[in-house]
N, C-alpha and C. Protein backbone atom coordinates (compact mmCIF):
# COMPACT_ATOMS: atom_id res chain seq x y z
N MET A 1 122.91 84.68 66.91
CA MET A 1 122.32 84.08 67.84
C MET A 1 122.52 85.18 69.01
N LEU A 2 123.19 85.80 69.30
CA LEU A 2 123.62 86.28 70.68
C LEU A 2 122.43 87.80 70.54
N LYS A 3 122.28 88.38 69.40
CA LYS A 3 121.38 89.34 69.04
C LYS A 3 120.16 88.89 69.23
N LYS A 4 119.92 87.86 69.16
CA LYS A 4 118.28 86.99 69.02
C LYS A 4 117.88 87.00 70.09
N ILE A 5 118.46 86.47 71.40
CA ILE A 5 118.61 86.33 72.46
C ILE A 5 118.16 87.52 73.18
N PHE A 6 119.23 88.70 72.89
CA PHE A 6 119.05 90.13 73.13
C PHE A 6 117.64 90.52 72.87
N PHE A 7 117.22 90.69 71.55
CA PHE A 7 116.02 91.17 71.11
C PHE A 7 115.21 90.43 71.75
N ILE A 8 114.96 88.87 72.47
CA ILE A 8 113.42 88.53 73.14
C ILE A 8 114.14 88.69 74.47
N MET A 9 114.76 88.99 75.11
CA MET A 9 114.85 89.17 76.34
C MET A 9 114.05 91.05 76.63
N ILE A 10 115.12 91.81 75.63
CA ILE A 10 114.10 93.15 75.55
C ILE A 10 112.68 93.20 75.54
N SER A 11 112.32 92.39 74.44
CA SER A 11 110.81 92.16 74.10
C SER A 11 109.94 91.86 75.43
N VAL A 12 110.64 90.78 76.00
CA VAL A 12 109.64 90.26 77.22
C VAL A 12 109.83 91.30 78.28
N LEU A 13 110.77 91.61 78.34
CA LEU A 13 110.75 93.17 79.27
C LEU A 13 110.29 94.57 79.13
N CYS A 14 110.26 94.87 78.04
CA CYS A 14 109.09 95.72 77.45
C CYS A 14 107.36 94.90 77.90
N VAL A 15 107.37 93.87 77.65
CA VAL A 15 105.74 93.38 77.69
C VAL A 15 105.51 92.94 79.20
N PHE A 16 106.74 92.85 79.67
CA PHE A 16 106.93 92.71 81.12
C PHE A 16 106.14 93.84 82.07
N LEU A 17 107.00 95.11 81.35
CA LEU A 17 106.58 96.57 81.83
C LEU A 17 105.29 97.06 81.67
N PHE A 18 105.04 96.35 80.39
CA PHE A 18 103.48 97.53 79.54
C PHE A 18 102.23 96.65 80.83
N LEU A 19 102.59 95.55 80.70
CA LEU A 19 101.77 94.51 81.43
C LEU A 19 101.06 95.19 83.23
N ILE A 20 102.48 95.59 84.15
CA ILE A 20 102.46 95.98 84.98
C ILE A 20 102.34 97.65 85.35
N GLY A 21 102.33 98.26 84.65
CA GLY A 21 102.00 99.79 84.19
C GLY A 21 100.79 99.51 84.14
N CYS A 22 99.97 98.71 83.05
CA CYS A 22 98.28 98.38 83.15
C CYS A 22 97.46 98.38 84.24
N ASN A 23 98.47 97.58 84.96
CA ASN A 23 97.79 96.87 86.29
C ASN A 23 98.22 97.98 87.23
N ASN A 24 98.78 99.04 87.60
CA ASN A 24 98.83 100.12 88.03
C ASN A 24 97.93 101.04 88.05
N THR A 25 97.29 101.24 86.48
CA THR A 25 96.23 102.74 86.47
C THR A 25 94.97 101.76 86.72
N LYS A 26 94.38 102.23 88.21
CA LYS A 26 93.16 101.48 88.26
C LYS A 26 92.43 102.55 87.94
N VAL A 27 91.15 102.79 87.98
CA VAL A 27 90.53 103.52 88.33
C VAL A 27 89.73 103.41 89.62
N HIS A 28 89.91 104.48 90.55
CA HIS A 28 89.30 105.14 91.74
C HIS A 28 88.20 105.71 91.59
N ASN A 29 87.29 104.64 92.39
CA ASN A 29 85.67 105.12 92.24
C ASN A 29 85.72 105.69 93.59
N GLN A 30 85.84 107.36 93.98
CA GLN A 30 85.34 107.84 94.96
C GLN A 30 83.59 108.79 94.82
N ALA A 31 83.45 107.84 96.05
CA ALA A 31 81.96 108.84 96.56
C ALA A 31 81.63 110.12 96.41
N LYS A 32 80.75 110.95 95.93
CA LYS A 32 81.24 112.29 95.68
C LYS A 32 79.92 112.33 97.16
N GLY A 33 80.03 113.55 97.48
CA GLY A 33 79.26 114.23 98.38
C GLY A 33 79.34 113.48 100.17
N GLY A 34 78.99 114.12 100.76
CA GLY A 34 78.69 113.56 102.57
C GLY A 34 79.36 114.18 103.39
N LEU A 35 78.96 114.58 104.40
CA LEU A 35 79.18 115.11 105.22
C LEU A 35 80.61 114.88 105.92
N ILE A 36 80.93 116.44 106.23
CA ILE A 36 82.58 116.23 106.03
C ILE A 36 82.94 117.79 107.25
N ILE A 37 83.27 117.31 107.94
CA ILE A 37 84.28 118.81 108.68
C ILE A 37 85.80 118.99 107.90
N ARG A 38 85.62 120.04 107.20
CA ARG A 38 86.67 121.13 106.81
C ARG A 38 87.66 121.64 107.85
N ASN A 39 87.06 122.47 109.11
CA ASN A 39 87.95 122.34 110.04
C ASN A 39 87.71 122.61 111.55
N TRP A 40 87.95 122.36 112.00
CA TRP A 40 88.24 122.79 113.64
C TRP A 40 88.63 123.09 114.42
N SER A 41 89.11 123.62 115.65
CA SER A 41 89.85 124.21 117.00
C SER A 41 89.32 123.67 118.67
N SER A 42 90.21 123.86 119.08
CA SER A 42 90.15 123.50 120.27
C SER A 42 90.49 123.88 121.09
N GLY A 43 90.40 123.74 122.63
CA GLY A 43 91.31 124.53 123.62
C GLY A 43 91.20 123.81 125.04
N LEU A 44 92.49 124.32 125.81
CA LEU A 44 92.45 123.75 127.22
C LEU A 44 92.20 124.57 128.45
N GLY A 45 91.59 124.28 129.34
CA GLY A 45 91.74 125.32 130.31
C GLY A 45 91.21 124.89 131.29
N SER A 46 91.40 125.92 132.81
CA SER A 46 90.31 125.11 134.10
C SER A 46 89.15 125.17 133.84
N VAL A 47 88.37 124.17 134.69
CA VAL A 47 86.74 124.63 134.45
C VAL A 47 86.63 125.95 135.72
N ASN A 48 86.79 126.06 136.80
CA ASN A 48 87.63 127.74 137.51
C ASN A 48 89.00 127.58 138.39
N GLU A 49 88.48 128.57 138.84
CA GLU A 49 90.15 129.68 138.99
C GLU A 49 89.90 128.53 140.95
N ASN A 50 88.89 127.88 141.25
CA ASN A 50 88.74 127.27 142.78
C ASN A 50 89.11 125.43 142.41
N ASP A 51 88.97 124.66 141.29
CA ASP A 51 88.81 124.13 141.21
C ASP A 51 90.16 123.75 140.50
N LEU A 52 91.32 123.20 139.95
CA LEU A 52 92.36 123.17 139.47
C LEU A 52 92.11 121.49 139.18
N ASP A 53 91.27 120.72 139.86
CA ASP A 53 91.14 119.26 139.73
C ASP A 53 90.57 118.93 137.92
N LYS A 54 90.12 119.57 137.93
CA LYS A 54 89.47 119.26 136.70
C LYS A 54 89.56 120.69 135.24
N SER A 55 89.81 119.78 134.20
CA SER A 55 89.94 120.68 133.15
C SER A 55 88.75 120.54 132.23
N VAL A 56 88.41 121.46 131.62
CA VAL A 56 87.44 121.54 130.40
C VAL A 56 88.41 121.87 129.40
N PHE A 57 87.90 120.90 127.83
CA PHE A 57 88.38 120.63 126.78
C PHE A 57 87.07 121.45 126.03
N SER A 58 87.18 122.38 125.05
CA SER A 58 85.78 123.22 124.53
C SER A 58 86.58 122.46 122.94
N TYR A 59 85.87 122.87 122.01
CA TYR A 59 85.96 122.16 120.65
C TYR A 59 84.80 122.80 119.92
N SER A 60 85.26 123.34 118.39
CA SER A 60 84.47 123.52 117.83
C SER A 60 84.85 123.24 116.27
N ILE A 61 83.58 122.48 115.48
CA ILE A 61 83.78 121.72 114.06
C ILE A 61 82.80 122.61 112.70
N HIS A 62 83.59 122.94 112.04
CA HIS A 62 82.19 123.23 111.23
C HIS A 62 81.60 121.93 110.48
N LEU A 63 80.58 121.57 110.00
CA LEU A 63 80.19 120.28 109.34
C LEU A 63 79.77 121.00 108.60
N THR A 64 80.16 120.26 107.25
CA THR A 64 79.68 120.55 105.67
C THR A 64 78.93 119.65 105.00
N ASN A 65 77.78 120.32 104.60
CA ASN A 65 76.69 119.00 103.72
C ASN A 65 78.17 119.46 102.29
N GLU A 66 77.97 117.83 101.34
CA GLU A 66 78.61 117.96 100.22
C GLU A 66 77.55 117.66 99.10
N ASN A 67 76.28 116.73 100.36
CA ASN A 67 75.24 116.02 99.66
C ASN A 67 74.64 116.80 98.27
N GLU A 68 74.18 116.31 97.52
CA GLU A 68 72.76 116.88 96.56
C GLU A 68 71.47 117.50 97.16
N LYS A 69 71.21 116.38 98.16
CA LYS A 69 70.04 116.70 99.18
C LYS A 69 70.49 117.38 100.21
N ALA A 70 69.35 117.79 100.87
CA ALA A 70 69.66 118.38 102.38
C ALA A 70 69.61 116.91 103.40
N VAL A 71 70.35 117.42 104.73
CA VAL A 71 70.47 116.24 105.22
C VAL A 71 70.14 116.72 106.64
N PHE A 72 69.44 115.92 107.78
CA PHE A 72 68.82 116.38 108.98
C PHE A 72 70.13 115.79 109.92
N VAL A 73 70.84 116.67 110.90
CA VAL A 73 71.77 115.87 111.75
C VAL A 73 71.06 116.03 113.43
N LYS A 74 70.61 114.51 113.86
CA LYS A 74 70.51 114.81 115.25
C LYS A 74 71.42 114.93 115.90
N SER A 75 72.78 114.22 116.08
CA SER A 75 73.79 114.43 116.88
C SER A 75 75.17 114.78 116.46
N VAL A 76 75.92 115.25 117.19
CA VAL A 76 77.36 115.06 117.00
C VAL A 76 78.07 113.99 118.38
N GLN A 77 79.05 113.40 118.40
CA GLN A 77 79.22 112.74 119.50
C GLN A 77 81.01 112.56 119.00
N PRO A 78 81.87 113.28 119.99
CA PRO A 78 83.25 113.43 120.17
C PRO A 78 83.70 111.83 120.29
N ILE A 79 84.78 111.01 119.77
CA ILE A 79 85.29 110.14 119.94
C ILE A 79 86.81 110.34 120.35
N VAL A 80 87.07 110.19 121.81
CA VAL A 80 88.02 110.52 122.71
C VAL A 80 88.86 109.31 122.44
N LYS A 81 90.44 109.38 122.53
CA LYS A 81 91.31 108.37 122.86
C LYS A 81 91.27 107.84 123.98
N GLN A 82 91.85 106.12 123.96
CA GLN A 82 91.36 105.55 124.79
C GLN A 82 91.79 105.73 125.98
N ASN A 83 92.85 106.17 125.87
CA ASN A 83 93.64 107.03 127.12
C ASN A 83 93.28 107.70 128.19
N ILE A 84 92.21 108.37 127.64
CA ILE A 84 91.17 109.29 128.82
C ILE A 84 90.92 108.78 128.59
N LYS A 85 89.31 107.69 128.14
CA LYS A 85 87.96 107.75 128.57
C LYS A 85 87.84 107.02 130.18
N ASN A 86 88.76 106.89 130.93
CA ASN A 86 88.34 106.44 132.36
C ASN A 86 88.81 107.89 133.02
N MET A 87 89.20 109.37 132.24
CA MET A 87 89.66 110.32 132.83
C MET A 87 88.17 111.55 132.88
N ILE A 88 87.05 111.15 132.01
CA ILE A 88 86.47 112.12 131.19
C ILE A 88 85.04 112.05 132.66
N LEU A 89 84.71 113.55 133.20
CA LEU A 89 83.35 113.01 134.00
C LEU A 89 82.63 113.42 133.31
N SER A 90 82.62 114.54 132.18
CA SER A 90 81.14 114.71 131.81
C SER A 90 80.44 113.24 131.43
N GLU A 91 79.19 113.87 131.79
CA GLU A 91 78.09 112.24 131.83
C GLU A 91 77.65 111.91 130.27
N ASN A 92 77.47 112.91 129.88
CA ASN A 92 77.54 112.66 128.47
C ASN A 92 78.22 113.83 127.18
N THR A 93 78.76 113.42 126.29
CA THR A 93 79.63 113.82 125.60
C THR A 93 78.56 114.53 124.33
N SER A 94 77.60 113.72 123.97
CA SER A 94 76.83 114.11 123.11
C SER A 94 76.26 115.16 122.35
N ILE A 95 75.86 115.84 121.75
CA ILE A 95 75.40 117.10 121.43
C ILE A 95 74.19 117.18 120.52
N ALA A 96 73.20 117.44 121.65
CA ALA A 96 71.85 117.85 119.92
C ALA A 96 71.87 118.15 119.16
N VAL A 97 71.74 118.32 117.72
CA VAL A 97 71.97 118.92 117.12
C VAL A 97 70.61 119.84 116.15
N ASN A 98 69.95 118.90 115.39
CA ASN A 98 68.70 118.91 115.47
C ASN A 98 68.21 119.96 114.21
N LYS A 99 69.17 119.98 113.46
CA LYS A 99 69.41 120.81 112.38
C LYS A 99 69.34 120.01 111.39
N THR A 100 68.72 120.51 110.07
CA THR A 100 68.26 120.24 108.25
C THR A 100 69.78 121.10 107.75
N ILE A 101 70.56 120.39 107.18
CA ILE A 101 71.55 121.16 106.37
C ILE A 101 71.41 121.00 105.01
N ASN A 102 71.59 122.30 104.54
CA ASN A 102 71.12 122.03 103.41
C ASN A 102 72.52 121.56 102.57
N SER A 103 72.25 121.43 101.11
CA SER A 103 73.12 120.86 100.49
C SER A 103 74.28 122.20 100.67
N ASN A 104 76.32 121.70 100.27
CA ASN A 104 76.67 122.92 100.32
C ASN A 104 76.86 124.21 101.22
N GLU A 105 76.03 123.56 102.54
CA GLU A 105 75.58 124.66 103.56
C GLU A 105 77.06 124.08 104.89
N THR A 106 76.83 125.01 105.60
CA THR A 106 77.96 124.58 106.69
C THR A 106 77.58 125.38 107.87
N ILE A 107 77.46 124.62 109.04
CA ILE A 107 77.41 124.80 110.64
C ILE A 107 78.14 124.51 111.23
N GLU A 108 78.66 125.25 112.26
CA GLU A 108 79.11 125.39 113.50
C GLU A 108 78.55 124.78 114.38
N ILE A 109 79.24 123.73 115.35
CA ILE A 109 78.91 123.28 116.29
C ILE A 109 80.35 123.59 117.36
N THR A 110 79.51 123.66 118.41
CA THR A 110 80.86 123.76 120.02
C THR A 110 80.16 122.83 120.54
N GLY A 111 81.17 122.25 121.61
CA GLY A 111 81.20 121.34 122.94
C GLY A 111 82.20 121.65 123.67
N GLU A 112 81.75 120.92 124.69
CA GLU A 112 82.78 121.04 126.06
C GLU A 112 82.95 119.28 126.45
N ILE A 113 84.16 118.78 126.54
CA ILE A 113 84.38 117.54 127.78
C ILE A 113 85.13 117.70 129.03
N ILE A 114 84.78 117.85 130.05
CA ILE A 114 85.30 117.66 131.56
C ILE A 114 86.16 116.54 131.96
N VAL A 115 87.16 116.78 131.82
CA VAL A 115 88.23 115.75 132.30
C VAL A 115 88.85 115.78 133.24
N ASP A 116 88.94 115.09 134.81
CA ASP A 116 89.64 114.71 135.70
C ASP A 116 91.05 115.04 135.64
N THR A 117 92.02 115.91 135.34
CA THR A 117 93.40 115.77 135.82
C THR A 117 94.01 116.41 136.78
N LYS A 118 93.27 115.37 137.97
CA LYS A 118 93.88 115.93 139.48
C LYS A 118 95.65 115.09 139.19
N GLY A 119 96.45 115.96 139.69
CA GLY A 119 97.53 115.07 139.98
C GLY A 119 98.68 115.51 139.15
N LEU A 120 98.02 115.71 137.88
CA LEU A 120 98.61 116.11 136.32
C LEU A 120 99.31 117.18 136.40
N THR A 121 100.47 117.36 136.24
CA THR A 121 100.72 118.73 135.60
C THR A 121 100.64 119.06 134.25
N LYS A 122 100.21 120.18 134.13
CA LYS A 122 100.43 121.08 132.68
C LYS A 122 101.19 120.16 131.20
N ALA A 123 102.32 119.76 131.87
CA ALA A 123 102.90 118.95 130.92
C ALA A 123 102.25 117.45 130.59
N ASP A 124 102.08 116.85 131.75
CA ASP A 124 101.33 115.34 131.45
C ASP A 124 100.11 115.88 130.75
N ILE A 125 98.78 117.05 131.23
CA ILE A 125 97.86 117.25 130.17
C ILE A 125 98.06 117.25 128.48
N VAL A 126 99.19 117.97 128.26
CA VAL A 126 99.81 118.26 127.13
C VAL A 126 99.73 117.01 126.11
N LYS A 127 100.96 115.86 127.37
CA LYS A 127 100.90 114.93 126.50
C LYS A 127 99.88 114.05 125.95
N LEU A 128 98.61 114.44 126.72
CA LEU A 128 96.91 113.28 125.95
C LEU A 128 96.21 114.07 124.95
N GLU A 129 97.11 114.87 124.53
CA GLU A 129 96.18 115.08 123.44
C GLU A 129 96.66 114.62 122.30
N PRO A 130 96.25 114.65 121.46
CA PRO A 130 94.82 114.94 121.09
C PRO A 130 93.76 114.18 121.82
N PHE A 131 92.88 115.11 121.99
CA PHE A 131 91.88 113.97 123.42
C PHE A 131 90.66 113.55 122.42
N ILE A 132 90.56 114.43 121.39
CA ILE A 132 89.18 113.39 120.40
C ILE A 132 90.17 113.12 118.66
N THR A 133 89.90 112.11 118.57
CA THR A 133 90.69 111.27 116.85
C THR A 133 89.09 111.63 116.08
N ASP A 134 88.25 111.19 116.51
CA ASP A 134 86.94 111.09 115.21
C ASP A 134 85.86 111.98 116.01
N MET A 135 84.75 112.56 115.19
CA MET A 135 83.61 112.50 115.21
C MET A 135 82.26 111.90 114.53
N LYS A 136 81.52 111.18 116.23
CA LYS A 136 80.17 110.12 115.46
C LYS A 136 78.48 110.91 115.06
N VAL A 137 78.87 110.95 113.39
CA VAL A 137 77.55 111.69 113.58
C VAL A 137 76.21 111.00 113.03
N SER A 138 75.37 111.26 113.94
CA SER A 138 73.83 110.25 113.73
C SER A 138 72.70 111.56 113.10
N SER A 139 72.54 111.11 111.33
CA SER A 139 71.65 112.28 110.77
C SER A 139 70.57 110.61 110.13
N GLU A 140 69.62 112.12 109.26
CA GLU A 140 68.61 110.99 108.57
C GLU A 140 68.60 111.74 107.34
N GLU A 141 68.10 110.93 106.36
CA GLU A 141 67.96 111.19 105.24
C GLU A 141 67.09 110.95 104.38
N THR A 142 65.69 110.87 103.98
CA THR A 142 64.82 111.40 103.40
C THR A 142 65.38 110.70 101.66
N ILE A 143 64.58 109.60 101.51
CA ILE A 143 64.92 109.44 100.05
C ILE A 143 63.82 108.75 99.42
N SER A 144 63.84 109.70 98.10
CA SER A 144 62.07 109.72 97.77
C SER A 144 62.09 108.31 96.78
N LEU A 145 61.11 107.58 96.42
CA LEU A 145 60.01 107.05 95.75
C LEU A 145 60.19 106.75 94.19
N LYS A 146 60.17 107.90 94.00
CA LYS A 146 59.37 108.41 92.51
C LYS A 146 61.22 108.15 91.56
N ARG A 147 60.72 107.62 90.61
CA ARG A 147 62.00 107.50 89.67
C ARG A 147 62.01 108.58 88.81
C-alpha cells in the first residue's frame, strides 16, 4: 500500500513538473527590423572660457535602419532626465535630419544641449549624468497598396 501511494505521488509530481515546464516554454515573437541606435557617445564641457556658468553637453548617435524598406527620418530629439529639464538653456533640442536611411544603412547624428550649471561644482555636474535617457525619432514610411 505504501508503494502504491509513493508511486502515485511520484507520478503526480512528474506530471505537474511536465506541465509547468510546458507553460514556461513560450514562443516570444519579436518584431524584426526597425530603427535602432547601436552606439552613442557624449561629452561635457564649458560653452566658452569666459562663461563658466554654462556647460555644453555634446552627443553623437549612430542610427541604423534594420527595416527591409527605406525610412525617411524627419528629426530626432533627446529625452532628458527629469532632474535637469529646468536647467536646459537651449531653446530647441530637436535636430532636423530630413534624410532617407536605406535598409541596413547607418547615419551619424550629432547635437548639443546647453545647460545652466551656475553654482555647481564639477562633481555636482557629474552626478547629474546621464543627461539623456532616450531618443525620440520622427520618421515617415511609405507603404505600398499593391498586394
